[in-house]
Amino acid sequence: MPSIQGRVKELLKPEIYGAGVKKVRLIQTHTSWVFIAGEFAYKVKKPVNFGFLDYTTLQARRFFCKEEFRLNRKLSPELYIGVLPVVDRSGKIRFGGKGRVIDYCIKMRAMPQSAIMTEKLKKGRVDYLTIDELARIVAQFHRQAETGKEIARYGSIKTVKFNWEENFIQTREFIGRTINEDQFYTIKRAIERFIFTNRRLFLTRQRAGFIKRCHGDLHPRNIFLKDKIYIFDCLEFNPRFFCSDTAAEIAFMAMDLDFHNRHDLANFFIERYLIYSDDPGILPLLNFYRCYRAYVRGKVTSFLLNDPNVSSVAKANVRCDARRYFHLAFRYARFLDRKPYLMVVFGLPGVGKTYLARRLAEKHLAMHLLSDSIRKQLCNVPVTEHRFEGYGKGLYASGVSQRTYAEMFNRAEMFLRGRISVILDATFTSEESRERCRQLAKKLNVPLLFIWVTCPEKTVVSRLRRRANRAGFSDANLTIYRIMKEKFIPPAPAPDLIQIDSRQKTERLLIQIEKRLNRLLLET
């Protein structure tokens, strides 16, 4: 059947695209070529068959181009212009117009590559406000997404198992190339065990209507951050992949934020999605679907190693990315059977609590609940906006503080019940406030570890001065620190308490905490 295969170089000629186009850029995925020329981009599907996807016929590519156009206009109508034939006119290839049709393309408005969310993540230019808005958009999209009996069947145990079995079959050839044997079999055993022991959980989600016609490929590479958030490249080729539990969609975005070393943003995305969706039922499935999404990304990235049109230099980067995705899937798989636990990182302002809590959250795939963030969420204030209102005033009035701690404990209980470990990050100045942590752990029968973070006042003064003009969660200054130092009641020695000096190297502290936590887990 006709296609542009073998004629890709012709489509890199600027004259094809009209006046004003001086250069054409080609971006490839395992399923498509995208030609970016001036103000527009032209996406052509590759004539490939991966089993789960078959674009080998001209009719199929025409149909799926039209489907992709129709579905993506729901989220970003401004980007999608139309479906055009790719024609051969007297031996010359063109987008649109008369001639022998050899393929089809989707014409889109081009956005600068610098606006892709992945590029902004690499440069540290994705903020919490953007993640909040993204969570709101996705929650609204899910509320309006199509559901029903036909769609719900794709959330069945049978389909979930089939998807995983297909993954394992299709990745065997990459053992020793992008995934090692231990990772492959560890993930396989963990997944099979999770599916077997959680059949009722999948069935409950299916019956409750949480299997929906989702985006299917929601990750930072498919998001432009410009004047607004543009979500694009929704899947169209196989309902097994776009009809899924909404938990799988949230897990995809969270997983890819983890991949970009932004577990803090992944946590915040989950936290805010739960506020907007009121669906805590996603939590027990999050690590399962994060593992699935990381594994699929490892798989489809590995497919590019078999593509003759991808250069050897590009394949070296592909191999590196695929290995990282499979390693991430391996990490998620190892946490699937673990009982959740509660860690409480506490101490005075400026001692380094939040940095340590964030590193612990990354290491343990835990939810980091920060009182400074929750306080501002409750008061509809951007979480990194400073509000220096003084001790006991405004955001820090007694009533607001009580609401903040109550909400923090409510969220902690929700995540722990959802089988996700929690790290609480707050001052916890009184023994009474720390006792509430013990009561929560006892209520849910989860291990508890207190981590009391300290350092000399000289170090605190230096840190508070450095962060004074930077965006951040905490509004504490030296005055607040000294007031709270007077009120802080040091904890008594206890088996569930470890005191650390934050001047030490973080890696050493993490090892120290890990040893105490492992001992605690063995005892419980």
Protein backbone atom coordinates (compact mmCIF):
# COMPACT_ATOMS: atom_id res chain seq x y z
CA MET A 1 0.00 0.00 0.00
CA PRO A 2 1.21 3.59 -0.68
CA SER A 3 2.75 5.69 2.09
CA ILE A 4 5.47 8.31 2.55
CA GLN A 5 7.84 5.57 3.76
CA GLY A 6 11.04 6.06 1.79
CA ARG A 7 10.14 9.63 0.85
CA VAL A 8 10.54 11.31 4.23
CA LYS A 9 13.57 13.32 3.03
CA GLU A 10 11.43 14.95 0.32
CA LEU A 11 9.13 16.34 2.98
CA LEU A 12 12.06 18.09 4.64
CA LYS A 13 12.33 20.52 1.69
CA PRO A 14 11.08 23.99 2.75
CA GLU A 15 9.69 24.86 -0.71
CA ILE A 16 6.92 22.28 -0.21
CA TYR A 17 5.42 24.41 2.54
CA GLY A 18 5.20 27.77 0.77
CA ALA A 19 6.78 31.20 1.18
CA GLY A 20 8.32 32.12 4.51
CA VAL A 21 9.36 28.57 5.47
CA LYS A 22 13.15 28.33 5.56
CA LYS A 23 13.60 25.16 7.56
CA VAL A 24 11.61 22.01 8.28
CA ARG A 25 12.10 20.09 11.50
CA LEU A 26 11.27 16.40 11.80
CA ILE A 27 10.22 14.79 15.07
CA GLN A 28 9.74 11.02 15.18
CA THR A 29 7.94 8.71 17.55
CA HIS A 30 7.51 4.96 17.15
CA THR A 31 4.18 5.62 15.37
CA SER A 32 4.51 8.90 13.50
CA TRP A 33 6.52 11.55 11.68
CA VAL A 34 5.82 15.18 12.56
CA PHE A 35 7.04 17.85 10.14
CA ILE A 36 7.22 21.31 11.68
CA ALA A 37 7.27 24.06 9.06
CA GLY A 38 6.67 27.70 9.97
CA GLU A 39 3.37 28.21 11.75
CA PHE A 40 2.11 24.68 11.14
CA ALA A 41 2.91 21.05 11.94
CA TYR A 42 1.92 18.05 9.81
CA LYS A 43 1.62 14.68 11.51
CA VAL A 44 1.79 11.53 9.36
CA LYS A 45 1.27 8.06 10.79
CA LYS A 46 3.92 5.43 10.09
CA PRO A 47 2.71 2.26 8.28
CA VAL A 48 3.53 0.07 11.29
CA ASN A 49 1.84 -2.85 13.02
CA PHE A 50 2.66 -3.43 16.70
CA GLY A 51 -0.24 -5.79 17.33
CA PHE A 52 -2.02 -3.30 19.57
CA LEU A 53 -1.88 -0.78 16.71
CA ASP A 54 -2.14 -1.33 12.94
CA TYR A 55 -1.51 1.57 10.54
CA THR A 56 -0.35 -0.57 7.63
CA THR A 57 -3.16 0.33 5.22
CA LEU A 58 -3.95 3.70 3.68
CA GLN A 59 -7.59 3.33 4.74
CA ALA A 60 -6.54 2.73 8.36
CA ARG A 61 -4.29 5.80 8.41
CA ARG A 62 -7.07 7.95 6.94
CA PHE A 63 -9.57 6.67 9.51
CA PHE A 64 -7.26 7.15 12.48
CA CYS A 65 -6.17 10.62 11.35
CA LYS A 66 -9.84 11.65 11.35
CA GLU A 67 -10.40 10.01 14.75
CA GLU A 68 -7.37 11.72 16.26
CA PHE A 69 -8.54 15.08 14.91
CA ARG A 70 -12.08 14.60 16.27
CA LEU A 71 -11.03 13.48 19.72
CA ASN A 72 -8.25 16.01 20.31
CA ARG A 73 -10.44 18.99 19.52
CA LYS A 74 -12.24 18.27 22.81
CA LEU A 75 -9.20 19.37 24.84
CA SER A 76 -7.33 21.72 22.47
CA PRO A 77 -9.54 22.84 19.58
CA GLU A 78 -7.20 25.78 18.89
CA LEU A 79 -4.37 23.43 17.86
CA TYR A 80 -6.16 21.10 15.43
CA ILE A 81 -6.91 22.51 11.97
CA GLY A 82 -7.89 19.55 9.78
CA VAL A 83 -7.04 16.29 8.02
CA LEU A 84 -5.29 16.59 4.63
CA PRO A 85 -4.29 14.07 1.98
CA VAL A 86 -0.60 13.69 1.18
CA VAL A 87 -0.45 13.60 -2.61
CA ASP A 88 2.00 12.81 -5.37
CA ARG A 89 1.60 15.39 -8.13
CA SER A 90 3.77 14.68 -11.17
CA GLY A 91 6.39 13.00 -9.03
CA LYS A 92 6.40 15.73 -6.38
CA ILE A 93 5.00 15.20 -2.90
CA ARG A 94 2.63 17.76 -1.34
CA PHE A 95 0.32 18.23 1.66
CA GLY A 96 -3.20 18.78 0.31
CA GLY A 97 -4.42 19.59 -3.15
CA LYS A 98 -4.90 17.38 -6.21
CA GLY A 99 -2.84 14.34 -7.08
CA ARG A 100 -2.47 10.66 -6.30
CA VAL A 101 -3.18 10.17 -2.60
CA ILE A 102 -0.33 8.30 -0.93
CA ASP A 103 -1.05 9.14 2.70
CA TYR A 104 -2.93 11.39 5.13
CA CYS A 105 -1.84 13.90 7.73
CA ILE A 106 -3.24 15.97 10.57
CA LYS A 107 -2.52 19.67 10.15
CA MET A 108 -1.95 21.50 13.42
CA ARG A 109 -0.83 24.88 14.62
CA ALA A 110 2.84 24.67 15.52
CA MET A 111 3.97 25.59 18.99
CA PRO A 112 7.61 26.30 19.86
CA GLN A 113 9.37 23.19 21.14
CA SER A 114 10.47 25.24 24.13
CA ALA A 115 6.80 25.33 25.19
CA ILE A 116 6.57 21.54 25.56
CA MET A 117 6.21 20.67 29.22
CA THR A 118 9.16 18.25 29.13
CA GLU A 119 11.47 21.07 28.01
CA LYS A 120 10.21 23.32 30.78
CA LEU A 121 10.69 20.54 33.33
CA LYS A 122 14.32 20.15 32.27
CA LYS A 123 14.86 23.87 32.93
CA GLY A 124 12.93 23.92 36.22
CA ARG A 125 10.21 26.16 34.76
CA VAL A 126 7.11 24.21 35.77
CA ASP A 127 5.61 25.65 38.92
CA TYR A 128 2.97 24.53 41.39
CA LEU A 129 0.40 26.95 39.99
CA THR A 130 0.67 25.22 36.58
CA ILE A 131 0.34 21.78 38.15
CA ASP A 132 -2.73 22.96 40.07
CA GLU A 133 -4.37 24.18 36.86
CA LEU A 134 -3.45 20.96 35.05
CA ALA A 135 -5.05 18.90 37.83
CA ARG A 136 -8.21 21.01 37.57
CA ILE A 137 -8.42 20.60 33.77
CA VAL A 138 -7.91 16.84 33.94
CA ALA A 139 -10.47 16.41 36.73
CA GLN A 140 -13.03 18.38 34.72
CA PHE A 141 -12.22 16.34 31.59
CA HIS A 142 -12.75 13.12 33.55
CA ARG A 143 -16.08 14.30 34.95
CA GLN A 144 -17.34 14.89 31.42
CA ALA A 145 -15.67 11.84 29.83
CA GLU A 146 -17.83 9.21 28.22
CA THR A 147 -18.56 6.05 30.18
CA GLY A 148 -21.00 3.16 29.98
CA LYS A 149 -21.22 -0.61 29.74
CA GLU A 150 -19.17 -0.94 26.55
CA ILE A 151 -16.40 1.30 27.88
CA ALA A 152 -16.45 -0.28 31.35
CA ARG A 153 -15.47 -3.69 30.01
CA TYR A 154 -12.00 -2.31 29.31
CA GLY A 155 -11.48 -2.01 33.05
CA SER A 156 -12.09 -5.70 33.63
CA ILE A 157 -9.49 -8.00 35.15
CA LYS A 158 -9.40 -9.85 31.83
CA THR A 159 -8.39 -6.71 29.90
CA VAL A 160 -5.94 -5.50 32.55
CA LYS A 161 -4.22 -8.92 32.52
CA PHE A 162 -4.17 -9.02 28.73
CA ASN A 163 -2.51 -5.60 28.55
CA TRP A 164 0.21 -6.71 30.92
CA GLU A 165 0.73 -10.07 29.20
CA GLU A 166 1.11 -8.23 25.90
CA ASN A 167 3.70 -5.95 27.51
CA PHE A 168 5.76 -8.89 28.75
CA ILE A 169 5.61 -10.68 25.39
CA GLN A 170 6.62 -7.56 23.47
CA THR A 171 9.53 -6.68 25.77
CA ARG A 172 11.24 -10.08 25.94
CA GLU A 173 13.42 -9.11 22.98
CA PHE A 174 14.71 -6.13 24.97
CA ILE A 175 15.96 -8.17 27.96
CA GLY A 176 19.64 -7.36 28.17
CA ARG A 177 19.20 -4.29 25.97
CA THR A 178 16.93 -1.89 27.87
CA ILE A 179 15.63 -4.06 30.72
CA ASN A 180 17.60 -6.61 32.68
CA GLU A 181 16.38 -10.08 33.58
CA ASP A 182 15.93 -9.35 37.29
CA GLN A 183 13.81 -6.27 36.55
CA PHE A 184 11.68 -8.17 34.02
CA TYR A 185 10.83 -11.08 36.32
CA THR A 186 10.50 -8.99 39.50
CA ILE A 187 7.95 -6.75 37.79
CA LYS A 188 6.14 -9.71 36.26
CA ARG A 189 5.78 -11.53 39.59
CA ALA A 190 4.72 -8.39 41.46
CA ILE A 191 2.08 -7.50 38.87
CA GLU A 192 0.61 -11.00 38.70
CA ARG A 193 0.42 -11.12 42.51
CA PHE A 194 -1.23 -7.68 42.72
CA ILE A 195 -3.88 -8.52 40.11
CA PHE A 196 -4.67 -11.83 41.80
CA THR A 197 -5.06 -10.32 45.30
CA ASN A 198 -6.97 -7.21 44.20
CA ARG A 199 -9.65 -8.60 41.91
CA ARG A 200 -12.41 -7.03 43.99
CA LEU A 201 -10.76 -3.60 43.81
CA PHE A 202 -10.74 -3.63 40.00
CA LEU A 203 -14.34 -4.86 39.93
CA THR A 204 -15.47 -2.13 42.35
CA ARG A 205 -13.93 0.61 40.19
CA GLN A 206 -15.52 -0.92 37.10
CA ARG A 207 -19.01 -1.09 38.61
CA ALA A 208 -18.76 2.42 40.08
CA GLY A 209 -18.27 4.00 36.63
CA PHE A 210 -14.62 5.02 36.87
CA ILE A 211 -13.67 3.34 33.60
CA LYS A 212 -13.94 6.18 31.08
CA ARG A 213 -12.95 7.29 27.61
CA CYS A 214 -9.75 9.01 28.77
CA HIS A 215 -6.97 10.86 26.95
CA GLY A 216 -4.88 7.70 27.04
CA ASP A 217 -1.44 9.30 26.65
CA LEU A 218 -1.38 12.04 29.27
CA HIS A 219 2.25 12.92 29.93
CA PRO A 220 4.41 16.08 29.68
CA ARG A 221 5.48 15.44 26.06
CA ASN A 222 1.85 15.89 25.06
CA ILE A 223 1.33 19.22 26.81
CA PHE A 224 2.22 22.72 25.66
CA LEU A 225 2.55 25.42 28.31
CA LYS A 226 2.07 28.76 26.59
CA ASP A 227 -0.66 31.35 27.20
CA LYS A 228 -2.68 28.43 28.61
CA ILE A 229 -2.34 24.67 28.99
CA TYR A 230 -2.77 22.77 25.72
CA ILE A 231 -3.20 19.00 26.07
CA PHE A 232 -2.83 17.22 22.73
CA ASP A 233 -2.14 13.83 21.06
CA CYS A 234 -5.01 11.94 22.67
CA LEU A 235 -4.98 8.25 21.66
CA GLU A 236 -7.35 7.04 18.99
CA PHE A 237 -6.04 3.69 17.75
CA ASN A 238 -7.13 1.15 20.38
CA PRO A 239 -9.88 1.40 23.03
CA ARG A 240 -7.86 -0.91 25.30
CA PHE A 241 -5.53 2.03 25.87
CA PHE A 242 -7.85 5.05 25.94
CA CYS A 243 -10.73 3.38 27.80
CA SER A 244 -9.31 2.94 31.27
CA ASP A 245 -9.66 3.67 34.94
CA THR A 246 -9.11 7.37 35.56
CA ALA A 247 -6.48 6.21 38.07
CA ALA A 248 -4.36 5.02 35.13
CA GLU A 249 -4.47 8.50 33.58
CA ILE A 250 -3.43 10.25 36.81
CA ALA A 251 -0.73 7.63 37.32
CA PHE A 252 0.71 8.40 33.85
CA MET A 253 1.26 12.08 34.60
CA ALA A 254 2.57 11.35 38.11
CA MET A 255 4.94 8.69 36.75
CA ASP A 256 6.43 10.98 34.12
CA LEU A 257 6.94 13.74 36.67
CA ASP A 258 8.81 11.16 38.74
CA PHE A 259 10.82 10.29 35.60
CA HIS A 260 11.86 13.95 35.37
CA ASN A 261 12.96 13.85 39.03
CA ARG A 262 10.03 15.98 40.21
CA HIS A 263 8.34 13.72 42.73
CA ASP A 264 7.28 16.90 44.53
CA LEU A 265 5.23 17.98 41.50
CA ALA A 266 3.87 14.44 41.10
CA ASN A 267 2.68 14.54 44.71
CA PHE A 268 1.11 17.96 44.28
CA PHE A 269 -0.66 16.86 41.08
CA ILE A 270 -2.19 13.88 42.90
CA GLU A 271 -3.07 15.99 45.92
CA ARG A 272 -4.86 18.64 43.85
CA TYR A 273 -6.57 16.12 41.53
CA LEU A 274 -8.11 14.51 44.61
CA ILE A 275 -9.45 17.90 45.73
CA TYR A 276 -10.98 18.59 42.31
CA SER A 277 -12.28 15.06 41.62
CA ASP A 278 -13.16 13.83 45.12
CA ASP A 279 -12.08 10.34 44.06
CA PRO A 280 -9.81 8.78 46.72
CA GLY A 281 -10.54 5.41 45.09
CA ILE A 282 -7.61 6.02 42.72
CA LEU A 283 -5.07 5.69 45.55
CA PRO A 284 -4.83 1.88 46.01
CA LEU A 285 -4.22 1.59 42.26
CA LEU A 286 -1.75 4.43 41.78
CA ASN A 287 1.50 2.49 42.12
CA PHE A 288 0.10 -0.37 40.04
CA TYR A 289 -0.76 1.97 37.19
CA ARG A 290 2.42 4.02 37.63
CA CYS A 291 4.30 0.77 37.15
CA TYR A 292 2.18 0.01 34.07
CA ARG A 293 2.74 3.44 32.54
CA ALA A 294 6.49 3.37 33.18
CA TYR A 295 6.70 -0.11 31.66
CA VAL A 296 4.76 0.93 28.56
CA ARG A 297 6.99 3.99 28.11
CA GLY A 298 10.01 1.73 28.40
CA LYS A 299 8.50 -0.60 25.82
CA VAL A 300 7.48 1.95 23.18
CA THR A 301 10.75 3.83 23.61
CA SER A 302 12.59 0.55 23.03
CA PHE A 303 10.65 0.03 19.79
CA LEU A 304 12.59 2.95 18.31
CA LEU A 305 15.75 0.82 18.49
CA ASN A 306 14.26 -1.29 15.68
CA ASP A 307 13.36 1.71 13.48
CA PRO A 308 15.78 2.10 10.54
CA ASN A 309 14.87 5.78 10.20
CA VAL A 310 16.25 6.62 13.67
CA SER A 311 19.95 7.59 13.73
CA SER A 312 22.54 5.77 15.84
CA VAL A 313 23.06 8.93 17.93
CA ALA A 314 19.32 9.18 18.60
CA LYS A 315 19.20 5.47 19.45
CA ALA A 316 21.80 5.97 22.18
CA ASN A 317 19.46 8.49 23.85
CA VAL A 318 16.51 6.17 23.26
CA ARG A 319 18.32 3.31 24.98
CA CYS A 320 19.10 5.50 27.99
CA ASP A 321 15.49 6.72 28.34
CA ALA A 322 14.05 3.20 27.97
CA ARG A 323 16.35 1.88 30.70
CA ARG A 324 15.32 4.70 33.02
CA TYR A 325 11.62 3.98 32.43
CA PHE A 326 12.07 0.27 33.10
CA HIS A 327 14.05 1.03 36.26
CA LEU A 328 11.22 3.29 37.44
CA ALA A 329 8.69 0.51 36.74
CA PHE A 330 10.91 -1.80 38.80
CA ARG A 331 10.84 0.67 41.73
CA TYR A 332 7.03 0.92 41.63
CA ALA A 333 6.72 -2.86 41.47
CA ARG A 334 8.82 -3.29 44.61
CA PHE A 335 6.43 -1.03 46.55
CA LEU A 336 3.24 -2.83 45.47
CA ASP A 337 3.18 -5.29 48.37
CA ARG A 338 4.64 -3.03 51.05
CA LYS A 339 2.51 -1.98 53.98
CA PRO A 340 2.27 1.82 54.19
CA TYR A 341 3.90 3.69 57.04
CA LEU A 342 3.80 7.17 58.55
CA MET A 343 6.86 9.35 59.00
CA VAL A 344 6.64 12.68 60.82
CA VAL A 345 9.40 15.18 59.99
CA PHE A 346 9.18 17.97 62.56
CA GLY A 347 11.16 20.77 64.16
CA LEU A 348 11.57 24.55 64.12
CA PRO A 349 11.42 26.70 60.97
CA GLY A 350 14.62 26.87 58.93
CA VAL A 351 16.14 23.62 60.19
CA GLY A 352 15.77 21.87 56.81
CA LYS A 353 12.62 19.80 57.40
CA THR A 354 11.07 20.25 53.99
CA TYR A 355 14.19 19.45 51.98
CA LEU A 356 14.70 16.24 53.97
CA ALA A 357 10.99 15.31 53.78
CA ARG A 358 11.05 15.80 50.01
CA ARG A 359 14.08 13.52 49.63
CA LEU A 360 12.43 10.89 51.85
CA ALA A 361 9.26 11.09 49.76
CA GLU A 362 11.27 10.46 46.57
CA LYS A 363 13.10 7.51 48.10
CA HIS A 364 10.00 5.87 49.57
CA LEU A 365 7.47 6.88 46.88
CA ALA A 366 5.56 8.49 49.73
CA MET A 367 3.08 11.34 49.82
CA HIS A 368 4.68 14.45 51.30
CA LEU A 369 2.05 16.48 53.16
CA LEU A 370 3.40 19.92 54.04
CA SER A 371 1.49 22.09 56.49
CA ASP A 372 2.67 25.32 54.80
CA SER A 373 1.24 24.12 51.47
CA ILE A 374 -2.05 22.86 52.92
CA ARG A 375 -2.53 26.12 54.84
CA LYS A 376 -2.38 28.14 51.61
CA GLN A 377 -4.54 25.68 49.71
CA LEU A 378 -7.25 26.09 52.33
CA CYS A 379 -7.01 29.89 52.08
CA ASN A 380 -6.91 29.95 48.23
CA VAL A 381 -3.42 31.45 48.20
CA PRO A 382 -0.80 30.26 45.66
CA VAL A 383 1.26 27.76 47.62
CA THR A 384 4.64 29.39 46.91
CA GLU A 385 3.48 32.98 47.42
CA HIS A 386 4.94 34.58 50.54
CA ARG A 387 2.58 36.14 53.10
CA PHE A 388 4.62 37.73 55.89
CA GLU A 389 1.75 38.50 58.22
CA GLY A 390 3.37 37.89 61.59
CA TYR A 391 2.97 35.18 64.19
CA GLY A 392 -0.66 34.37 65.00
CA LYS A 393 -2.05 36.71 62.31
CA GLY A 394 -3.77 36.26 58.94
CA LEU A 395 -2.88 32.87 57.47
CA TYR A 396 -1.25 32.01 60.77
CA ALA A 397 -4.17 32.84 63.06
CA SER A 398 -5.02 30.14 65.57
CA GLY A 399 -8.20 29.08 63.77
CA VAL A 400 -6.43 28.70 60.41
CA SER A 401 -3.67 26.65 62.03
CA GLN A 402 -6.23 24.32 63.61
CA ARG A 403 -7.95 23.84 60.25
CA THR A 404 -4.58 23.23 58.60
CA TYR A 405 -3.55 20.47 60.99
CA ALA A 406 -7.02 18.90 60.87
CA GLU A 407 -6.89 18.82 57.06
CA MET A 408 -3.35 17.44 57.10
CA PHE A 409 -4.46 14.55 59.31
CA ASN A 410 -7.54 13.94 57.13
CA ARG A 411 -5.38 13.74 54.03
CA ALA A 412 -2.83 11.54 55.77
CA GLU A 413 -5.57 9.08 56.72
CA MET A 414 -6.91 9.08 53.16
CA PHE A 415 -3.51 8.27 51.65
CA LEU A 416 -2.64 5.64 54.25
CA ARG A 417 -5.99 3.93 53.69
CA GLY A 418 -5.11 4.09 50.00
CA ARG A 419 -1.93 2.08 50.75
CA ILE A 420 0.44 5.00 50.19
CA SER A 421 3.03 5.90 52.81
CA VAL A 422 2.85 9.45 54.17
CA ILE A 423 5.41 11.97 55.35
CA LEU A 424 3.99 14.76 57.50
CA ASP A 425 6.06 17.94 57.44
CA ALA A 426 5.20 20.51 60.10
CA THR A 427 6.58 22.11 63.25
CA PHE A 428 4.56 19.98 65.72
CA THR A 429 5.59 22.25 68.60
CA SER A 430 3.65 20.42 71.33
CA GLU A 431 3.56 16.87 72.59
CA GLU A 432 -0.22 17.00 72.12
CA SER A 433 0.15 17.56 68.37
CA ARG A 434 2.65 14.69 68.15
CA GLU A 435 0.29 12.44 70.09
CA ARG A 436 -2.32 12.95 67.35
CA CYS A 437 0.18 11.31 64.97
CA ARG A 438 0.45 8.31 67.28
CA GLN A 439 -3.34 8.05 67.49
CA LEU A 440 -3.62 8.09 63.70
CA ALA A 441 -0.95 5.40 63.31
CA LYS A 442 -2.64 3.25 65.96
CA LYS A 443 -6.07 3.72 64.37
CA LEU A 444 -4.80 2.52 60.98
CA ASN A 445 -2.31 0.00 62.40
CA VAL A 446 0.64 1.44 60.46
CA PRO A 447 4.27 1.83 61.61
CA LEU A 448 5.23 5.32 62.78
CA LEU A 449 8.60 7.08 62.87
CA PHE A 450 9.22 10.60 64.20
CA ILE A 451 12.19 12.44 62.69
CA TRP A 452 13.17 15.45 64.81
CA VAL A 453 15.27 17.78 62.67
CA THR A 454 17.65 20.16 64.47
CA CYS A 455 20.61 22.41 63.80
CA PRO A 456 22.29 25.39 65.57
CA GLU A 457 20.58 28.78 65.42
CA LYS A 458 23.52 30.18 63.46
CA THR A 459 22.70 27.76 60.62
CA VAL A 460 19.00 28.62 60.78
CA VAL A 461 19.74 32.36 60.51
CA SER A 462 21.87 31.77 57.40
CA ARG A 463 19.19 29.61 55.77
CA LEU A 464 16.33 31.99 56.51
CA ARG A 465 18.26 34.91 55.01
CA ARG A 466 19.05 32.94 51.83
CA ARG A 467 15.45 31.96 51.21
CA ALA A 468 13.84 35.32 52.13
CA ASN A 469 13.39 36.48 48.54
CA ARG A 470 12.84 33.08 46.92
CA ALA A 471 9.48 31.55 46.11
CA GLY A 472 8.73 28.83 48.62
CA PHE A 473 6.14 27.30 50.92
CA SER A 474 7.29 28.69 54.25
CA ASP A 475 6.77 32.29 55.33
CA ALA A 476 8.79 31.97 58.54
CA ASN A 477 11.46 34.58 59.23
CA LEU A 478 13.93 35.00 62.09
CA THR A 479 11.33 36.67 64.32
CA ILE A 480 8.89 33.79 63.82
CA TYR A 481 11.68 31.29 64.43
CA ARG A 482 12.56 32.83 67.81
CA ILE A 483 8.93 33.02 68.93
CA MET A 484 8.39 29.35 68.01
CA LYS A 485 11.65 28.35 69.66
CA GLU A 486 10.23 29.62 72.96
CA LYS A 487 7.03 27.63 72.45
CA PHE A 488 8.62 24.40 71.16
CA ILE A 489 8.50 21.49 73.61
CA PRO A 490 11.32 19.01 72.83
CA PRO A 491 10.17 15.39 72.64
CA ALA A 492 11.29 12.81 75.18
CA PRO A 493 13.45 9.92 73.91
CA ALA A 494 11.31 7.12 72.47
CA PRO A 495 11.70 3.99 70.29
CA ASP A 496 9.75 5.66 67.47
CA LEU A 497 11.91 8.83 67.51
CA ILE A 498 15.15 9.69 65.78
CA GLN A 499 16.88 13.06 66.18
CA ILE A 500 19.12 14.27 63.36
CA ASP A 501 21.37 17.27 62.73
CA SER A 502 20.57 18.62 59.26
CA ARG A 503 24.11 19.96 58.79
CA GLN A 504 25.19 16.41 57.91
CA LYS A 505 25.19 15.24 54.29
CA THR A 506 21.68 14.34 53.17
CA GLU A 507 22.69 10.89 51.89
CA ARG A 508 24.12 10.04 55.30
CA LEU A 509 20.90 11.20 56.98
CA LEU A 510 18.79 9.12 54.61
CA ILE A 511 20.83 6.00 55.43
CA GLN A 512 20.50 6.74 59.15
CA ILE A 513 16.72 7.13 58.87
CA GLU A 514 16.44 4.03 56.66
CA LYS A 515 18.17 1.89 59.29
CA ARG A 516 15.85 3.09 62.04
CA LEU A 517 12.77 2.66 59.82
CA ASN A 518 13.76 -0.89 58.81
CA ARG A 519 14.24 -1.81 62.47
CA LEU A 520 10.81 -0.35 63.26
CA LEU A 521 9.19 -2.26 60.38
CA LEU A 522 10.71 -5.53 61.55
CA GLU A 523 9.38 -4.94 65.08
CA THR A 524 5.85 -4.31 63.79
